[in-house]
C-alpha atoms as a PDB file:
ATOM      1  CA  MET A   1      47.227   3.066  22.249  1.00  0.00           C
ATOM      2  CA  GLU A   2      44.163   4.967  23.351  1.00  0.00           C
ATOM      3  CA  LEU A   3      43.226   8.528  22.422  1.00  0.00           C
ATOM      4  CA  ARG A   4      42.909   9.279  26.123  1.00  0.00           C
ATOM      5  CA  THR A   5      46.561   8.327  26.620  1.00  0.00           C
ATOM      6  CA  LEU A   6      47.607  10.566  23.734  1.00  0.00           C
ATOM      7  CA  LYS A   7      45.676  13.440  25.312  1.00  0.00           C
ATOM      8  CA  TYR A   8      47.473  12.833  28.611  1.00  0.00           C
ATOM      9  CA  PHE A   9      50.802  12.797  26.799  1.00  0.00           C
ATOM     10  CA  ILE A  10      50.044  16.087  25.025  1.00  0.00           C
ATOM     11  CA  VAL A  11      49.114  17.826  28.265  1.00  0.00           C
ATOM     12  CA  VAL A  12      52.287  16.651  30.014  1.00  0.00           C
ATOM     13  CA  ALA A  13      54.455  17.486  26.983  1.00  0.00           C
ATOM     14  CA  GLU A  14      53.120  21.044  26.907  1.00  0.00           C
ATOM     15  CA  GLU A  15      53.835  21.812  30.555  1.00  0.00           C
ATOM     16  CA  LEU A  16      56.611  19.295  31.272  1.00  0.00           C
ATOM     17  CA  ASN A  17      55.306  18.801  34.805  1.00  0.00           C
ATOM     18  CA  ILE A  18      53.376  15.649  35.686  1.00  0.00           C
ATOM     19  CA  THR A  19      52.184  16.801  39.111  1.00  0.00           C
ATOM     20  CA  LYS A  20      50.779  20.082  37.801  1.00  0.00           C
ATOM     21  CA  GLU A  21      49.119  18.365  34.872  1.00  0.00           C
ATOM     22  CA  ALA A  22      47.619  15.664  37.077  1.00  0.00           C
ATOM     23  CA  ASN A  23      45.869  18.421  39.015  1.00  0.00           C
ATOM     24  CA  ILE A  24      44.588  19.996  35.794  1.00  0.00           C
ATOM     25  CA  LEU A  25      43.300  16.604  34.633  1.00  0.00           C
ATOM     26  CA  ASN A  26      41.636  16.026  38.025  1.00  0.00           C
ATOM     27  CA  MET A  27      43.655  12.928  38.784  1.00  0.00           C
ATOM     28  CA  SER A  28      46.504  12.070  41.090  1.00  0.00           C
ATOM     29  CA  GLN A  29      50.101  12.013  39.910  1.00  0.00           C
ATOM     30  CA  PRO A  30      50.812   8.248  40.169  1.00  0.00           C
ATOM     31  CA  PRO A  31      48.119   7.161  37.659  1.00  0.00           C
ATOM     32  CA  LEU A  32      49.237   9.813  35.182  1.00  0.00           C
ATOM     33  CA  SER A  33      52.868   8.740  35.536  1.00  0.00           C
ATOM     34  CA  TYR A  34      51.740   5.148  35.059  1.00  0.00           C
ATOM     35  CA  GLN A  35      49.907   6.059  31.833  1.00  0.00           C
ATOM     36  CA  ILE A  36      52.982   7.818  30.457  1.00  0.00           C
ATOM     37  CA  LYS A  37      55.235   4.905  31.444  1.00  0.00           C
ATOM     38  CA  ASN A  38      52.869   2.441  29.754  1.00  0.00           C
ATOM     39  CA  LEU A  39      52.929   4.569  26.604  1.00  0.00           C
ATOM     40  CA  GLU A  40      56.734   4.513  26.638  1.00  0.00           C
ATOM     41  CA  ASP A  41      56.689   0.741  27.106  1.00  0.00           C
ATOM     42  CA  GLU A  42      54.172   0.312  24.300  1.00  0.00           C
ATOM     43  CA  LEU A  43      56.281   2.397  21.924  1.00  0.00           C
ATOM     44  CA  GLY A  44      59.558   0.895  23.123  1.00  0.00           C
ATOM     45  CA  SER A  45      61.136   4.302  23.572  1.00  0.00           C
ATOM     46  CA  LYS A  46      61.589   6.958  26.237  1.00  0.00           C
ATOM     47  CA  LEU A  47      59.488  10.047  25.630  1.00  0.00           C
ATOM     48  CA  PHE A  48      60.838  12.195  28.458  1.00  0.00           C
ATOM     49  CA  ILE A  49      64.149  12.823  30.132  1.00  0.00           C
ATOM     50  CA  ARG A  50      63.245  12.939  33.794  1.00  0.00           C
ATOM     51  CA  GLY A  51      64.996  15.362  36.131  1.00  0.00           C
ATOM     52  CA  LYS A  52      64.397  15.890  39.821  1.00  0.00           C
ATOM     53  CA  ARG A  53      61.676  18.477  39.298  1.00  0.00           C
ATOM     54  CA  HIS A  54      61.252  18.774  35.567  1.00  0.00           C
ATOM     55  CA  LEU A  55      60.847  16.828  32.353  1.00  0.00           C
ATOM     56  CA  LYS A  56      62.308  17.331  28.916  1.00  0.00           C
ATOM     57  CA  LEU A  57      61.036  15.741  25.720  1.00  0.00           C
ATOM     58  CA  THR A  58      63.332  13.329  23.924  1.00  0.00           C
ATOM     59  CA  GLU A  59      63.571  13.500  20.134  1.00  0.00           C
ATOM     60  CA  VAL A  60      61.045  10.652  19.945  1.00  0.00           C
ATOM     61  CA  GLY A  61      58.831  12.543  22.397  1.00  0.00           C
ATOM     62  CA  LYS A  62      58.968  15.659  20.219  1.00  0.00           C
ATOM     63  CA  LEU A  63      57.942  13.668  17.160  1.00  0.00           C
ATOM     64  CA  LEU A  64      55.131  11.930  19.031  1.00  0.00           C
ATOM     65  CA  TYR A  65      53.908  15.296  20.343  1.00  0.00           C
ATOM     66  CA  ILE A  66      53.540  16.621  16.789  1.00  0.00           C
ATOM     67  CA  ARG A  67      51.805  13.465  15.548  1.00  0.00           C
ATOM     68  CA  ALA A  68      49.585  13.153  18.626  1.00  0.00           C
ATOM     69  CA  LYS A  69      48.313  16.704  18.168  1.00  0.00           C
ATOM     70  CA  GLU A  70      47.515  15.919  14.527  1.00  0.00           C
ATOM     71  CA  ILE A  71      45.638  12.765  15.530  1.00  0.00           C
ATOM     72  CA  ILE A  72      43.652  14.516  18.267  1.00  0.00           C
ATOM     73  CA  ASN A  73      42.766  17.363  15.904  1.00  0.00           C
ATOM     74  CA  LEU A  74      41.301  14.821  13.466  1.00  0.00           C
ATOM     75  CA  THR A  75      38.839  13.498  16.045  1.00  0.00           C
END
């Protein structure tokens, strides 16, 4: 797991919109979605409940959000 991926996760978790956050991060939506999917695969757990136009954090996603912010704040 890379710090960059955790930063991407935090940004998406705060806004719950991958397309909007991809624009903020100056990247296109597919690579950002791919990074989030890889993180889920790496952790073996879903981090978001995906709707048609919105996301919602799972319980695991909420816990990771808290821990990811702590990790990023340490760097």
